[in-house]
Amino acid sequence: MLTRQRSGDRPQTSDQGPHRQLTQRSSAAVWGELVARVFALDGVQEGHSQVSPASSRAVFLTDLEQERAPGTNLAPGRRLEPVHLHGVADTSVHLVLPHARGEELVALGWAEAHQYEDFGTEYMVYGPRDAAEVEAVLSAVEESIAFAREA
């Protein structure tokens, strides 16, 4: 579970849709490592995001296609998509977490509330800048997947 403070200033993010990260993006190598690690997790399947630009990759669950609660899905009413990873020109991750946990990640400097949130569970997690941050962001992704499964 991610509990350490993110170093440095927060990156700049867009104030108009789509919600994206504008500075401090991951290098292609670091981003590629995160993407590979996410899609190597047990029980996940890569797909096209139902709600994000075409360069985004959805994380679908192989054991659960329907949301248990709308706040666990970035695409409410559609196939369960608890996480999507934006392309290398952005490198942020959108995911769902219980509101209190998401706010902890905001306070630790890793995330911000999604600008188009519907349920108070949608967050942008900033792209990792190095290998240690890959681990941190991967941990947040794993939390989101667990939240979607357990809700």
C-alpha atoms as a PDB file:
ATOM      1  CA  MET A   1       0.000   0.000   0.000  1.00  0.00           C
ATOM      2  CA  LEU A   2       1.360   3.392  -1.011  1.00  0.00           C
ATOM      3  CA  THR A   3       2.043   5.488   2.092  1.00  0.00           C
ATOM      4  CA  ARG A   4       5.115   7.581   1.267  1.00  0.00           C
ATOM      5  CA  GLN A   5       5.083  11.194   0.135  1.00  0.00           C
ATOM      6  CA  ARG A   6       5.812  11.842  -3.547  1.00  0.00           C
ATOM      7  CA  SER A   7       8.883  14.021  -3.929  1.00  0.00           C
ATOM      8  CA  GLY A   8       8.865  17.379  -5.667  1.00  0.00           C
ATOM      9  CA  ASP A   9       6.092  19.558  -6.946  1.00  0.00           C
ATOM     10  CA  ARG A  10       2.932  18.225  -8.514  1.00  0.00           C
ATOM     11  CA  PRO A  11       2.887  18.098 -12.304  1.00  0.00           C
ATOM     12  CA  GLN A  12       0.696  20.473 -14.239  1.00  0.00           C
ATOM     13  CA  THR A  13      -2.510  18.932 -15.506  1.00  0.00           C
ATOM     14  CA  SER A  14      -5.128  20.099 -17.966  1.00  0.00           C
ATOM     15  CA  ASP A  15      -8.039  22.181 -16.805  1.00  0.00           C
ATOM     16  CA  GLN A  16     -10.150  21.139 -19.802  1.00  0.00           C
ATOM     17  CA  GLY A  17     -10.971  17.661 -21.074  1.00  0.00           C
ATOM     18  CA  PRO A  18      -9.617  15.226 -21.516  1.00  0.00           C
ATOM     19  CA  HIS A  19      -7.994  15.310 -18.067  1.00  0.00           C
ATOM     20  CA  ARG A  20      -4.299  14.757 -18.771  1.00  0.00           C
ATOM     21  CA  GLN A  21      -0.846  15.288 -17.309  1.00  0.00           C
ATOM     22  CA  LEU A  22       1.111  18.088 -19.006  1.00  0.00           C
ATOM     23  CA  THR A  23       4.507  18.066 -17.229  1.00  0.00           C
ATOM     24  CA  GLN A  24       6.752  15.571 -15.428  1.00  0.00           C
ATOM     25  CA  ARG A  25       5.685  12.794 -17.769  1.00  0.00           C
ATOM     26  CA  SER A  26       7.291   9.381 -17.637  1.00  0.00           C
ATOM     27  CA  SER A  27      10.075   8.610 -20.059  1.00  0.00           C
ATOM     28  CA  ALA A  28       9.088   6.047 -22.700  1.00  0.00           C
ATOM     29  CA  ALA A  29      11.151   3.379 -20.916  1.00  0.00           C
ATOM     30  CA  VAL A  30       9.648   4.036 -17.491  1.00  0.00           C
ATOM     31  CA  TRP A  31       6.139   4.234 -18.938  1.00  0.00           C
ATOM     32  CA  GLY A  32       6.671   1.014 -20.849  1.00  0.00           C
ATOM     33  CA  GLU A  33       7.768  -0.696 -17.638  1.00  0.00           C
ATOM     34  CA  LEU A  34       4.593   0.390 -15.831  1.00  0.00           C
ATOM     35  CA  VAL A  35       2.338  -0.711 -18.697  1.00  0.00           C
ATOM     36  CA  ALA A  36       4.073  -4.102 -18.886  1.00  0.00           C
ATOM     37  CA  ARG A  37       3.804  -4.597 -15.116  1.00  0.00           C
ATOM     38  CA  VAL A  38       0.122  -3.645 -15.026  1.00  0.00           C
ATOM     39  CA  PHE A  39      -0.831  -6.064 -17.791  1.00  0.00           C
ATOM     40  CA  ALA A  40       1.235  -8.830 -16.183  1.00  0.00           C
ATOM     41  CA  LEU A  41      -0.979  -8.704 -13.060  1.00  0.00           C
ATOM     42  CA  ASP A  42      -3.113 -11.779 -12.465  1.00  0.00           C
ATOM     43  CA  GLY A  43      -6.673 -11.500 -13.639  1.00  0.00           C
ATOM     44  CA  VAL A  44      -6.340  -8.438 -15.866  1.00  0.00           C
ATOM     45  CA  GLN A  45      -6.833  -8.039 -19.574  1.00  0.00           C
ATOM     46  CA  GLU A  46      -5.834  -5.142 -21.812  1.00  0.00           C
ATOM     47  CA  GLY A  47      -8.442  -3.474 -23.961  1.00  0.00           C
ATOM     48  CA  HIS A  48      -9.522  -0.188 -25.503  1.00  0.00           C
ATOM     49  CA  SER A  49     -10.806   2.322 -22.993  1.00  0.00           C
ATOM     50  CA  GLN A  50     -14.519   2.964 -23.275  1.00  0.00           C
ATOM     51  CA  VAL A  51     -14.220   6.569 -22.069  1.00  0.00           C
ATOM     52  CA  SER A  52     -10.706   7.804 -22.784  1.00  0.00           C
ATOM     53  CA  PRO A  53      -8.764   8.806 -25.917  1.00  0.00           C
ATOM     54  CA  ALA A  54      -7.768   6.048 -28.354  1.00  0.00           C
ATOM     55  CA  SER A  55      -4.168   5.993 -27.084  1.00  0.00           C
ATOM     56  CA  SER A  56      -5.404   4.863 -23.651  1.00  0.00           C
ATOM     57  CA  ARG A  57      -5.364   1.261 -22.500  1.00  0.00           C
ATOM     58  CA  ALA A  58      -8.166  -0.089 -20.346  1.00  0.00           C
ATOM     59  CA  VAL A  59      -7.609  -2.547 -17.556  1.00  0.00           C
ATOM     60  CA  PHE A  60     -10.432  -5.077 -17.656  1.00  0.00           C
ATOM     61  CA  LEU A  61     -10.831  -7.913 -15.158  1.00  0.00           C
ATOM     62  CA  THR A  62     -11.012 -11.470 -16.458  1.00  0.00           C
ATOM     63  CA  ASP A  63     -13.210 -12.612 -13.554  1.00  0.00           C
ATOM     64  CA  LEU A  64     -15.644  -9.689 -13.355  1.00  0.00           C
ATOM     65  CA  GLU A  65     -17.212  -7.879 -16.293  1.00  0.00           C
ATOM     66  CA  GLN A  66     -19.997  -5.982 -14.521  1.00  0.00           C
ATOM     67  CA  GLU A  67     -19.472  -3.328 -11.877  1.00  0.00           C
ATOM     68  CA  ARG A  68     -20.601  -4.160  -8.357  1.00  0.00           C
ATOM     69  CA  ALA A  69     -21.209  -0.444  -7.729  1.00  0.00           C
ATOM     70  CA  PRO A  70     -21.076   2.506 -10.175  1.00  0.00           C
ATOM     71  CA  GLY A  71     -18.258   4.229  -8.251  1.00  0.00           C
ATOM     72  CA  THR A  72     -15.929   1.319  -9.037  1.00  0.00           C
ATOM     73  CA  ASN A  73     -16.042   1.847 -12.790  1.00  0.00           C
ATOM     74  CA  LEU A  74     -14.591   4.622 -14.937  1.00  0.00           C
ATOM     75  CA  ALA A  75     -17.277   3.686 -17.474  1.00  0.00           C
ATOM     76  CA  PRO A  76     -20.429   3.274 -15.346  1.00  0.00           C
ATOM     77  CA  GLY A  77     -23.017   1.004 -16.905  1.00  0.00           C
ATOM     78  CA  ARG A  78     -20.526  -0.515 -19.339  1.00  0.00           C
ATOM     79  CA  ARG A  79     -17.907  -3.246 -18.969  1.00  0.00           C
ATOM     80  CA  LEU A  80     -16.002  -2.829 -15.708  1.00  0.00           C
ATOM     81  CA  GLU A  81     -12.978  -0.561 -16.315  1.00  0.00           C
ATOM     82  CA  PRO A  82     -11.496   0.348 -12.912  1.00  0.00           C
ATOM     83  CA  VAL A  83      -8.257   1.655 -14.434  1.00  0.00           C
ATOM     84  CA  HIS A  84      -7.017   3.055 -17.685  1.00  0.00           C
ATOM     85  CA  LEU A  85      -3.510   4.126 -18.590  1.00  0.00           C
ATOM     86  CA  HIS A  86      -3.066   7.066 -20.896  1.00  0.00           C
ATOM     87  CA  GLY A  87      -0.573   7.044 -23.742  1.00  0.00           C
ATOM     88  CA  VAL A  88       3.103   7.976 -23.646  1.00  0.00           C
ATOM     89  CA  ALA A  89       2.273  11.613 -24.509  1.00  0.00           C
ATOM     90  CA  ASP A  90       0.462  11.878 -21.146  1.00  0.00           C
ATOM     91  CA  THR A  91       1.506   8.963 -18.862  1.00  0.00           C
ATOM     92  CA  SER A  92      -1.078   9.541 -16.149  1.00  0.00           C
ATOM     93  CA  VAL A  93      -3.351   6.805 -14.876  1.00  0.00           C
ATOM     94  CA  HIS A  94      -7.040   7.212 -14.133  1.00  0.00           C
ATOM     95  CA  LEU A  95      -8.457   4.852 -11.562  1.00  0.00           C
ATOM     96  CA  VAL A  96     -11.108   4.410  -8.908  1.00  0.00           C
ATOM     97  CA  LEU A  97     -10.501   4.146  -5.171  1.00  0.00           C
ATOM     98  CA  PRO A  98     -12.618   4.548  -2.067  1.00  0.00           C
ATOM     99  CA  HIS A  99     -12.944   8.302  -1.532  1.00  0.00           C
ATOM    100  CA  ALA A 100     -10.979   8.361   1.739  1.00  0.00           C
ATOM    101  CA  ARG A 101      -8.113   6.385   0.202  1.00  0.00           C
ATOM    102  CA  GLY A 102      -8.064   8.539  -2.911  1.00  0.00           C
ATOM    103  CA  GLU A 103      -7.839  11.637  -0.735  1.00  0.00           C
ATOM    104  CA  GLU A 104      -4.874  10.063   1.101  1.00  0.00           C
ATOM    105  CA  LEU A 105      -3.063   9.723  -2.238  1.00  0.00           C
ATOM    106  CA  VAL A 106      -3.929  13.361  -3.013  1.00  0.00           C
ATOM    107  CA  ALA A 107      -2.473  14.449   0.353  1.00  0.00           C
ATOM    108  CA  LEU A 108       0.674  12.384  -0.324  1.00  0.00           C
ATOM    109  CA  GLY A 109       1.134  14.176  -3.670  1.00  0.00           C
ATOM    110  CA  TRP A 110       0.527  11.154  -5.935  1.00  0.00           C
ATOM    111  CA  ALA A 111      -2.908  12.010  -7.265  1.00  0.00           C
ATOM    112  CA  GLU A 112      -5.673  14.519  -7.799  1.00  0.00           C
ATOM    113  CA  ALA A 113      -9.407  14.135  -8.069  1.00  0.00           C
ATOM    114  CA  HIS A 114     -10.539  13.518 -11.625  1.00  0.00           C
ATOM    115  CA  GLN A 115     -11.990  16.724 -13.035  1.00  0.00           C
ATOM    116  CA  TYR A 116     -15.048  14.861 -14.347  1.00  0.00           C
ATOM    117  CA  GLU A 117     -15.754  12.719 -11.313  1.00  0.00           C
ATOM    118  CA  ASP A 118     -19.280  11.447 -10.797  1.00  0.00           C
ATOM    119  CA  PHE A 119     -18.938   9.490  -7.561  1.00  0.00           C
ATOM    120  CA  GLY A 120     -15.963  10.990  -5.700  1.00  0.00           C
ATOM    121  CA  THR A 121     -13.994   7.802  -6.383  1.00  0.00           C
ATOM    122  CA  GLU A 122     -12.277   8.784  -9.644  1.00  0.00           C
ATOM    123  CA  TYR A 123      -8.641   9.943  -9.473  1.00  0.00           C
ATOM    124  CA  MET A 124      -5.721  10.779 -11.699  1.00  0.00           C
ATOM    125  CA  VAL A 125      -2.462   9.248 -10.491  1.00  0.00           C
ATOM    126  CA  TYR A 126       0.596  10.960 -11.905  1.00  0.00           C
ATOM    127  CA  GLY A 127       2.900   9.039 -14.227  1.00  0.00           C
ATOM    128  CA  PRO A 128       6.010   7.547 -12.611  1.00  0.00           C
ATOM    129  CA  ARG A 129       9.308   9.357 -13.092  1.00  0.00           C
ATOM    130  CA  ASP A 130      11.628   6.466 -12.161  1.00  0.00           C
ATOM    131  CA  ALA A 131      11.676   2.785 -11.181  1.00  0.00           C
ATOM    132  CA  ALA A 132      10.727   3.464  -7.551  1.00  0.00           C
ATOM    133  CA  GLU A 133       7.703   5.425  -8.692  1.00  0.00           C
ATOM    134  CA  VAL A 134       6.702   2.576 -11.019  1.00  0.00           C
ATOM    135  CA  GLU A 135       6.318   0.471  -7.865  1.00  0.00           C
ATOM    136  CA  ALA A 136       4.276   3.202  -6.178  1.00  0.00           C
ATOM    137  CA  VAL A 137       1.892   3.694  -9.108  1.00  0.00           C
ATOM    138  CA  LEU A 138       1.572  -0.070  -9.600  1.00  0.00           C
ATOM    139  CA  SER A 139       0.550  -0.320  -5.955  1.00  0.00           C
ATOM    140  CA  ALA A 140      -2.238   2.240  -6.531  1.00  0.00           C
ATOM    141  CA  VAL A 141      -3.414   0.277  -9.586  1.00  0.00           C
ATOM    142  CA  GLU A 142      -3.544  -2.914  -7.521  1.00  0.00           C
ATOM    143  CA  GLU A 143      -5.596  -1.119  -4.860  1.00  0.00           C
ATOM    144  CA  SER A 144      -8.035   0.071  -7.504  1.00  0.00           C
ATOM    145  CA  ILE A 145      -8.471  -3.430  -8.916  1.00  0.00           C
ATOM    146  CA  ALA A 146      -9.077  -4.809  -5.423  1.00  0.00           C
ATOM    147  CA  PHE A 147     -11.643  -2.053  -4.755  1.00  0.00           C
ATOM    148  CA  ALA A 148     -13.515  -2.905  -7.956  1.00  0.00           C
ATOM    149  CA  ARG A 149     -13.573  -6.596  -7.060  1.00  0.00           C
ATOM    150  CA  GLU A 150     -14.622  -6.136  -3.439  1.00  0.00           C
ATOM    151  CA  ALA A 151     -17.179  -3.334  -3.647  1.00  0.00           C
END
